[in-house]
């Protein structure tokens, strides 16, 4: 969508600049936080652990689709997590070709540790916001990042 010059254009420019700045800050912070939890825990690995924890168990093909990567790429990531002892893999009883992934006890412990560190980081980012402002920011930010766009990406 092309906007007309004027107040809306200035607003869109300001938001776009802030989204870029937040992305840079977020990537830097998240990588550092993942490393604090474990030197082997990359940001990509953390994201996979979060998704596997949310699903309880999931197929590698579903993980690949959710992360918009190929199955071979996700398979390598999962094998790496399995080698670290963070996930367990087992055959899918409903599809002999499929593999189900779940968190191992060590993966659950590491994810709890990583989430605690991340929670502290976000709490620091929210310093200066009172509870009402933080709740409004959380509501608007969630709406911003979860709504479909005109481009059809989710």
N, C-alpha and C. Protein backbone atom coordinates (compact mmCIF):
# COMPACT_ATOMS: atom_id res chain seq x y z
N UNK A 1 0.85 -1.17 0.00
CA UNK A 1 0.00 0.00 0.00
C UNK A 1 0.90 1.23 0.00
N UNK A 2 0.62 2.18 -0.88
CA UNK A 2 1.38 3.42 -0.96
C UNK A 2 0.60 4.49 -0.22
N UNK A 3 1.27 5.15 0.71
CA UNK A 3 0.56 6.17 1.49
C UNK A 3 0.78 7.55 0.90
N UNK A 4 -0.13 8.43 1.21
CA UNK A 4 -0.03 9.82 0.79
C UNK A 4 0.91 10.53 1.76
N UNK A 5 1.64 11.52 1.26
CA UNK A 5 2.50 12.32 2.12
C UNK A 5 1.63 13.05 3.13
N UNK A 6 2.12 13.22 4.31
CA UNK A 6 1.37 13.92 5.34
C UNK A 6 1.58 13.27 6.68
N UNK A 7 0.66 13.54 7.62
CA UNK A 7 0.83 13.02 8.98
C UNK A 7 0.95 11.49 9.04
N UNK A 8 0.14 10.80 8.25
CA UNK A 8 0.21 9.33 8.25
C UNK A 8 1.57 8.86 7.76
N UNK A 9 2.11 9.52 6.72
CA UNK A 9 3.41 9.16 6.18
C UNK A 9 4.50 9.34 7.24
N UNK A 10 4.44 10.41 7.99
CA UNK A 10 5.42 10.66 9.05
C UNK A 10 5.28 9.60 10.15
N UNK A 11 4.06 9.23 10.47
CA UNK A 11 3.82 8.20 11.47
C UNK A 11 4.37 6.85 11.00
N UNK A 12 4.10 6.50 9.76
CA UNK A 12 4.59 5.23 9.20
C UNK A 12 6.11 5.21 9.19
N UNK A 13 6.72 6.32 8.83
CA UNK A 13 8.18 6.41 8.84
C UNK A 13 8.73 6.22 10.25
N UNK A 14 8.11 6.86 11.23
CA UNK A 14 8.56 6.73 12.62
C UNK A 14 8.43 5.28 13.11
N UNK A 15 7.30 4.64 12.80
CA UNK A 15 7.11 3.25 13.22
C UNK A 15 8.11 2.34 12.52
N UNK A 16 8.31 2.56 11.22
CA UNK A 16 9.26 1.75 10.48
C UNK A 16 10.67 1.87 11.07
N UNK A 17 11.08 3.07 11.41
CA UNK A 17 12.40 3.27 12.04
C UNK A 17 12.48 2.54 13.37
N UNK A 18 11.42 2.61 14.16
CA UNK A 18 11.41 1.95 15.46
C UNK A 18 11.38 0.43 15.32
N UNK A 19 10.68 -0.08 14.32
CA UNK A 19 10.66 -1.54 14.09
C UNK A 19 12.07 -2.03 13.75
N UNK A 20 12.77 -1.28 12.91
CA UNK A 20 14.14 -1.65 12.56
C UNK A 20 15.03 -1.60 13.80
N UNK A 21 14.92 -0.54 14.58
CA UNK A 21 15.73 -0.42 15.80
C UNK A 21 15.41 -1.53 16.78
N UNK A 22 14.12 -1.86 16.94
CA UNK A 22 13.74 -2.94 17.84
C UNK A 22 14.29 -4.27 17.34
N UNK A 23 14.23 -4.50 16.03
CA UNK A 23 14.75 -5.74 15.48
C UNK A 23 16.22 -5.91 15.79
N UNK A 24 16.99 -4.85 15.62
CA UNK A 24 18.42 -4.91 15.92
C UNK A 24 18.66 -5.16 17.40
N UNK A 25 17.94 -4.44 18.23
CA UNK A 25 18.09 -4.59 19.69
C UNK A 25 17.67 -5.99 20.13
N UNK A 26 16.58 -6.46 19.56
CA UNK A 26 16.06 -7.76 19.92
C UNK A 26 17.02 -8.88 19.51
N UNK A 27 17.52 -8.84 18.27
CA UNK A 27 18.46 -9.88 17.80
C UNK A 27 19.70 -9.92 18.67
N UNK A 28 20.24 -8.77 18.96
CA UNK A 28 21.45 -8.70 19.79
C UNK A 28 21.17 -9.23 21.19
N UNK A 29 20.09 -8.77 21.77
CA UNK A 29 19.75 -9.20 23.14
C UNK A 29 19.42 -10.67 23.21
N UNK A 30 18.64 -11.17 22.25
CA UNK A 30 18.24 -12.57 22.28
C UNK A 30 19.43 -13.50 22.10
N UNK A 31 20.34 -13.15 21.22
CA UNK A 31 21.52 -13.99 21.03
C UNK A 31 22.35 -14.03 22.31
N UNK A 32 22.52 -12.89 22.94
CA UNK A 32 23.28 -12.82 24.19
C UNK A 32 22.58 -13.62 25.29
N UNK A 33 21.27 -13.53 25.36
CA UNK A 33 20.52 -14.25 26.39
C UNK A 33 20.59 -15.75 26.19
N UNK A 34 20.46 -16.18 24.94
CA UNK A 34 20.54 -17.61 24.66
C UNK A 34 21.91 -18.13 25.08
N UNK A 35 22.95 -17.36 24.79
CA UNK A 35 24.31 -17.76 25.15
C UNK A 35 24.49 -17.81 26.66
N UNK A 36 23.83 -16.90 27.40
CA UNK A 36 23.91 -16.91 28.86
C UNK A 36 23.31 -18.19 29.43
N UNK A 37 22.25 -18.67 28.81
CA UNK A 37 21.60 -19.88 29.29
C UNK A 37 22.48 -21.09 29.04
N UNK A 38 23.15 -21.12 27.89
CA UNK A 38 24.03 -22.23 27.54
C UNK A 38 24.86 -21.80 26.34
N UNK A 39 26.13 -22.11 26.37
CA UNK A 39 26.98 -21.72 25.25
C UNK A 39 26.58 -22.44 23.97
N UNK A 40 25.87 -23.57 24.08
CA UNK A 40 25.43 -24.31 22.89
C UNK A 40 24.08 -23.83 22.36
N UNK A 41 23.39 -22.98 23.13
CA UNK A 41 22.02 -22.59 22.77
C UNK A 41 22.02 -21.36 21.87
N UNK A 42 21.84 -21.58 20.58
CA UNK A 42 21.71 -20.47 19.64
C UNK A 42 20.28 -19.93 19.71
N UNK A 43 20.08 -18.78 19.12
CA UNK A 43 18.73 -18.23 19.07
C UNK A 43 17.79 -19.16 18.31
N UNK A 44 18.26 -19.72 17.20
CA UNK A 44 17.43 -20.66 16.43
C UNK A 44 17.07 -21.88 17.28
N UNK A 45 18.03 -22.40 18.02
CA UNK A 45 17.76 -23.56 18.87
C UNK A 45 16.75 -23.21 19.96
N UNK A 46 16.90 -22.03 20.54
CA UNK A 46 15.94 -21.58 21.56
C UNK A 46 14.53 -21.53 20.99
N UNK A 47 14.40 -20.95 19.81
CA UNK A 47 13.07 -20.84 19.19
C UNK A 47 12.46 -22.22 18.94
N UNK A 48 13.29 -23.17 18.52
CA UNK A 48 12.78 -24.53 18.30
C UNK A 48 12.34 -25.15 19.61
N UNK A 49 13.14 -24.99 20.66
CA UNK A 49 12.76 -25.54 21.97
C UNK A 49 11.44 -24.94 22.45
N UNK A 50 11.27 -23.65 22.26
CA UNK A 50 10.01 -22.99 22.67
C UNK A 50 8.83 -23.61 21.93
N UNK A 51 8.99 -23.81 20.63
CA UNK A 51 7.88 -24.38 19.84
C UNK A 51 7.60 -25.82 20.24
N UNK A 52 8.64 -26.62 20.43
CA UNK A 52 8.44 -28.01 20.84
C UNK A 52 7.76 -28.06 22.21
N UNK A 53 8.17 -27.17 23.11
CA UNK A 53 7.53 -27.13 24.44
C UNK A 53 6.06 -26.77 24.33
N UNK A 54 5.74 -25.82 23.46
CA UNK A 54 4.34 -25.40 23.29
C UNK A 54 3.49 -26.53 22.72
N UNK A 55 4.07 -27.30 21.80
CA UNK A 55 3.33 -28.39 21.16
C UNK A 55 3.37 -29.69 21.95
N UNK A 56 4.24 -29.79 22.94
CA UNK A 56 4.49 -31.02 23.73
C UNK A 56 5.27 -32.04 22.91
N UNK A 57 4.82 -32.32 21.75
CA UNK A 57 5.57 -33.14 20.79
C UNK A 57 5.10 -32.72 19.41
N UNK A 58 5.99 -32.76 18.46
CA UNK A 58 5.62 -32.32 17.12
C UNK A 58 6.47 -33.04 16.08
N UNK A 59 5.97 -33.01 14.88
CA UNK A 59 6.68 -33.63 13.75
C UNK A 59 7.71 -32.65 13.21
N UNK A 60 8.81 -33.17 12.72
CA UNK A 60 9.84 -32.32 12.12
C UNK A 60 9.26 -31.55 10.93
N UNK A 61 8.40 -32.19 10.15
CA UNK A 61 7.81 -31.48 9.00
C UNK A 61 6.98 -30.29 9.45
N UNK A 62 6.27 -30.42 10.57
CA UNK A 62 5.47 -29.30 11.08
C UNK A 62 6.38 -28.18 11.59
N UNK A 63 7.46 -28.56 12.27
CA UNK A 63 8.42 -27.54 12.70
C UNK A 63 9.00 -26.79 11.50
N UNK A 64 9.40 -27.54 10.48
CA UNK A 64 9.97 -26.92 9.29
C UNK A 64 8.98 -25.95 8.66
N UNK A 65 7.73 -26.37 8.54
CA UNK A 65 6.71 -25.49 7.95
C UNK A 65 6.52 -24.24 8.81
N UNK A 66 6.47 -24.42 10.11
CA UNK A 66 6.26 -23.29 11.02
C UNK A 66 7.39 -22.27 10.99
N UNK A 67 8.60 -22.75 10.77
CA UNK A 67 9.75 -21.87 10.72
C UNK A 67 10.11 -21.47 9.29
N UNK A 68 9.32 -21.96 8.35
CA UNK A 68 9.51 -21.64 6.94
C UNK A 68 10.91 -22.01 6.45
N UNK A 69 11.34 -23.22 6.82
CA UNK A 69 12.61 -23.77 6.34
C UNK A 69 12.32 -25.15 5.77
N UNK A 70 13.26 -25.68 5.04
CA UNK A 70 13.10 -27.01 4.48
C UNK A 70 13.23 -28.09 5.55
N UNK A 71 12.65 -29.24 5.26
CA UNK A 71 12.72 -30.36 6.19
C UNK A 71 14.17 -30.77 6.48
N UNK A 72 15.07 -30.81 5.46
CA UNK A 72 16.46 -31.17 5.77
C UNK A 72 17.12 -30.19 6.76
N UNK A 73 16.83 -28.91 6.60
CA UNK A 73 17.39 -27.90 7.52
C UNK A 73 16.90 -28.14 8.93
N UNK A 74 15.58 -28.36 9.08
CA UNK A 74 15.03 -28.58 10.40
C UNK A 74 15.54 -29.90 10.97
N UNK A 75 15.67 -30.92 10.14
CA UNK A 75 16.20 -32.20 10.61
C UNK A 75 17.59 -32.03 11.20
N UNK A 76 18.44 -31.25 10.54
CA UNK A 76 19.79 -31.00 11.06
C UNK A 76 19.73 -30.28 12.41
N UNK A 77 18.84 -29.30 12.51
CA UNK A 77 18.70 -28.57 13.78
C UNK A 77 18.26 -29.52 14.90
N UNK A 78 17.29 -30.37 14.59
CA UNK A 78 16.77 -31.29 15.60
C UNK A 78 17.83 -32.31 16.00
N UNK A 79 18.59 -32.83 15.02
CA UNK A 79 19.68 -33.77 15.34
C UNK A 79 20.70 -33.09 16.25
N UNK A 80 21.01 -31.84 15.98
CA UNK A 80 21.94 -31.09 16.83
C UNK A 80 21.39 -30.97 18.25
N UNK A 81 20.10 -30.65 18.38
CA UNK A 81 19.49 -30.55 19.71
C UNK A 81 19.46 -31.92 20.41
N UNK A 82 19.25 -32.96 19.64
CA UNK A 82 19.26 -34.32 20.20
C UNK A 82 20.67 -34.67 20.68
N UNK A 83 21.68 -34.32 19.91
CA UNK A 83 23.07 -34.59 20.29
C UNK A 83 23.42 -33.87 21.60
N UNK A 84 22.86 -32.69 21.80
CA UNK A 84 23.07 -31.94 23.04
C UNK A 84 22.23 -32.48 24.19
N UNK A 85 21.35 -33.43 23.89
CA UNK A 85 20.50 -34.02 24.92
C UNK A 85 19.29 -33.18 25.28
N UNK A 86 18.90 -32.25 24.39
CA UNK A 86 17.81 -31.32 24.70
C UNK A 86 16.46 -31.78 24.17
N UNK A 87 16.45 -32.64 23.17
CA UNK A 87 15.20 -33.19 22.65
C UNK A 87 15.33 -34.70 22.49
N UNK A 88 14.19 -35.33 22.48
CA UNK A 88 14.09 -36.75 22.19
C UNK A 88 13.34 -36.90 20.88
N UNK A 89 13.77 -37.85 20.06
CA UNK A 89 13.07 -38.15 18.81
C UNK A 89 12.59 -39.59 18.87
N UNK A 90 11.41 -39.80 18.30
CA UNK A 90 10.89 -41.16 18.19
C UNK A 90 10.03 -41.25 16.95
N UNK A 91 9.88 -42.46 16.41
CA UNK A 91 9.04 -42.60 15.21
C UNK A 91 7.60 -42.19 15.50
N UNK A 92 6.96 -41.60 14.51
CA UNK A 92 5.55 -41.24 14.62
C UNK A 92 4.73 -42.51 14.44
N UNK A 93 3.96 -42.92 15.45
CA UNK A 93 3.20 -44.17 15.32
C UNK A 93 2.13 -44.12 14.23
N UNK A 94 1.72 -42.91 13.83
CA UNK A 94 0.69 -42.77 12.80
C UNK A 94 1.28 -42.70 11.40
N UNK A 95 2.60 -42.48 11.31
CA UNK A 95 3.27 -42.37 10.02
C UNK A 95 4.70 -42.86 10.20
N UNK A 96 4.97 -44.05 9.73
CA UNK A 96 6.28 -44.66 9.92
C UNK A 96 7.42 -43.84 9.36
N UNK A 97 7.16 -42.95 8.41
CA UNK A 97 8.22 -42.11 7.85
C UNK A 97 8.47 -40.88 8.71
N UNK A 98 7.51 -40.52 9.54
CA UNK A 98 7.61 -39.30 10.33
C UNK A 98 8.34 -39.51 11.64
N UNK A 99 8.82 -38.41 12.19
CA UNK A 99 9.52 -38.42 13.47
C UNK A 99 8.86 -37.39 14.39
N UNK A 100 8.59 -37.80 15.63
CA UNK A 100 8.06 -36.89 16.63
C UNK A 100 9.20 -36.40 17.52
N UNK A 101 9.15 -35.14 17.86
CA UNK A 101 10.17 -34.50 18.68
C UNK A 101 9.50 -34.00 19.96
N UNK A 102 10.16 -34.23 21.09
CA UNK A 102 9.69 -33.69 22.36
C UNK A 102 10.91 -33.25 23.17
N UNK A 103 10.67 -32.40 24.16
CA UNK A 103 11.77 -31.95 25.01
C UNK A 103 12.21 -33.08 25.92
N UNK A 104 13.50 -33.22 26.10
CA UNK A 104 14.05 -34.15 27.08
C UNK A 104 14.00 -33.44 28.45
N UNK A 105 14.21 -34.16 29.53
CA UNK A 105 14.27 -33.49 30.83
C UNK A 105 15.34 -32.38 30.86
N UNK A 106 16.50 -32.63 30.23
CA UNK A 106 17.54 -31.59 30.18
C UNK A 106 17.06 -30.39 29.35
N UNK A 107 16.33 -30.65 28.28
CA UNK A 107 15.78 -29.57 27.45
C UNK A 107 14.78 -28.73 28.23
N UNK A 108 13.96 -29.38 29.03
CA UNK A 108 12.99 -28.65 29.86
C UNK A 108 13.71 -27.76 30.87
N UNK A 109 14.76 -28.29 31.50
CA UNK A 109 15.52 -27.50 32.48
C UNK A 109 16.18 -26.30 31.81
N UNK A 110 16.83 -26.54 30.67
CA UNK A 110 17.50 -25.45 29.97
C UNK A 110 16.50 -24.40 29.49
N UNK A 111 15.36 -24.83 29.00
CA UNK A 111 14.35 -23.88 28.55
C UNK A 111 13.83 -23.05 29.72
N UNK A 112 13.62 -23.66 30.88
CA UNK A 112 13.20 -22.89 32.06
C UNK A 112 14.25 -21.83 32.41
N UNK A 113 15.52 -22.22 32.38
CA UNK A 113 16.60 -21.29 32.69
C UNK A 113 16.63 -20.15 31.67
N UNK A 114 16.54 -20.49 30.40
CA UNK A 114 16.58 -19.48 29.34
C UNK A 114 15.39 -18.53 29.45
N UNK A 115 14.23 -19.08 29.75
CA UNK A 115 13.04 -18.22 29.87
C UNK A 115 13.15 -17.28 31.06
N UNK A 116 13.73 -17.75 32.14
CA UNK A 116 13.93 -16.88 33.31
C UNK A 116 14.84 -15.71 32.94
N UNK A 117 15.93 -16.00 32.25
CA UNK A 117 16.86 -14.96 31.82
C UNK A 117 16.16 -13.98 30.88
N UNK A 118 15.38 -14.50 29.92
CA UNK A 118 14.67 -13.65 28.96
C UNK A 118 13.62 -12.80 29.66
N UNK A 119 12.92 -13.39 30.64
CA UNK A 119 11.90 -12.65 31.39
C UNK A 119 12.55 -11.45 32.09
N UNK A 120 13.72 -11.67 32.68
CA UNK A 120 14.42 -10.58 33.35
C UNK A 120 14.81 -9.49 32.34
N UNK A 121 15.23 -9.90 31.14
CA UNK A 121 15.61 -8.94 30.11
C UNK A 121 14.42 -8.08 29.69
N UNK A 122 13.29 -8.73 29.44
CA UNK A 122 12.10 -7.98 29.03
C UNK A 122 11.64 -7.06 30.15
N UNK A 123 11.73 -7.53 31.39
CA UNK A 123 11.36 -6.70 32.53
C UNK A 123 12.22 -5.44 32.58
N UNK A 124 13.51 -5.58 32.27
CA UNK A 124 14.41 -4.42 32.22
C UNK A 124 13.99 -3.49 31.08
N UNK A 125 13.62 -4.07 29.93
CA UNK A 125 13.18 -3.24 28.80
C UNK A 125 11.93 -2.43 29.16
N UNK A 126 11.13 -2.95 30.06
CA UNK A 126 9.89 -2.27 30.44
C UNK A 126 10.06 -1.29 31.60
N UNK A 127 11.30 -1.14 32.10
CA UNK A 127 11.53 -0.15 33.15
C UNK A 127 11.09 1.22 32.63
N UNK A 128 10.46 1.98 33.48
CA UNK A 128 9.98 3.29 33.08
C UNK A 128 8.52 3.27 32.64
N UNK A 129 7.97 2.06 32.42
CA UNK A 129 6.55 1.92 32.13
C UNK A 129 5.85 1.53 33.42
N UNK A 130 4.77 2.24 33.79
CA UNK A 130 4.00 1.75 34.94
C UNK A 130 3.19 0.54 34.47
N UNK A 131 2.51 -0.14 35.39
CA UNK A 131 1.80 -1.38 35.03
C UNK A 131 0.75 -1.15 33.95
N UNK A 132 0.04 -0.03 34.02
CA UNK A 132 -0.99 0.26 33.02
C UNK A 132 -0.36 0.48 31.63
N UNK A 133 0.74 1.23 31.58
CA UNK A 133 1.42 1.46 30.31
C UNK A 133 2.00 0.16 29.75
N UNK A 134 2.57 -0.65 30.63
CA UNK A 134 3.14 -1.93 30.18
C UNK A 134 2.05 -2.84 29.63
N UNK A 135 0.88 -2.85 30.29
CA UNK A 135 -0.23 -3.68 29.80
C UNK A 135 -0.73 -3.18 28.45
N UNK A 136 -0.81 -1.87 28.29
CA UNK A 136 -1.25 -1.31 27.00
C UNK A 136 -0.22 -1.59 25.91
N UNK A 137 1.05 -1.44 26.23
CA UNK A 137 2.11 -1.75 25.27
C UNK A 137 2.03 -3.22 24.87
N UNK A 138 1.88 -4.11 25.83
CA UNK A 138 1.79 -5.55 25.55
C UNK A 138 0.60 -5.85 24.64
N UNK A 139 -0.54 -5.22 24.92
CA UNK A 139 -1.73 -5.44 24.10
C UNK A 139 -1.52 -4.97 22.67
N UNK A 140 -1.00 -3.75 22.52
CA UNK A 140 -0.79 -3.19 21.18
C UNK A 140 0.32 -3.92 20.43
N UNK A 141 1.40 -4.27 21.13
CA UNK A 141 2.50 -4.98 20.48
C UNK A 141 2.04 -6.35 19.99
N UNK A 142 1.27 -7.05 20.83
CA UNK A 142 0.74 -8.36 20.42
C UNK A 142 -0.13 -8.20 19.18
N UNK A 143 -0.97 -7.21 19.18
CA UNK A 143 -1.83 -6.96 18.02
C UNK A 143 -0.99 -6.66 16.78
N UNK A 144 0.04 -5.88 16.95
CA UNK A 144 0.91 -5.49 15.85
C UNK A 144 1.61 -6.70 15.24
N UNK A 145 2.14 -7.59 16.07
CA UNK A 145 2.94 -8.70 15.54
C UNK A 145 2.12 -9.92 15.14
N UNK A 146 0.84 -9.98 15.51
CA UNK A 146 0.05 -11.18 15.19
C UNK A 146 -0.97 -10.98 14.10
N UNK A 147 -1.22 -9.75 13.71
CA UNK A 147 -2.25 -9.57 12.67
C UNK A 147 -1.68 -9.83 11.29
N UNK A 148 -2.50 -10.41 10.44
CA UNK A 148 -2.05 -10.65 9.06
C UNK A 148 -1.78 -9.31 8.37
N UNK A 149 -0.87 -9.32 7.44
CA UNK A 149 -0.56 -8.11 6.70
C UNK A 149 -1.20 -8.17 5.33
N UNK A 150 -1.11 -7.08 4.64
CA UNK A 150 -1.66 -7.03 3.28
C UNK A 150 -0.88 -7.94 2.34
N UNK A 151 0.31 -8.35 2.75
CA UNK A 151 1.15 -9.22 1.92
C UNK A 151 0.83 -10.69 2.12
N UNK A 152 -0.05 -11.00 3.09
CA UNK A 152 -0.47 -12.36 3.30
C UNK A 152 0.44 -13.17 4.20
N UNK A 153 1.48 -12.55 4.77
CA UNK A 153 2.32 -13.31 5.71
C UNK A 153 1.68 -13.27 7.08
N UNK A 154 1.88 -14.33 7.82
CA UNK A 154 1.26 -14.41 9.15
C UNK A 154 2.29 -14.20 10.23
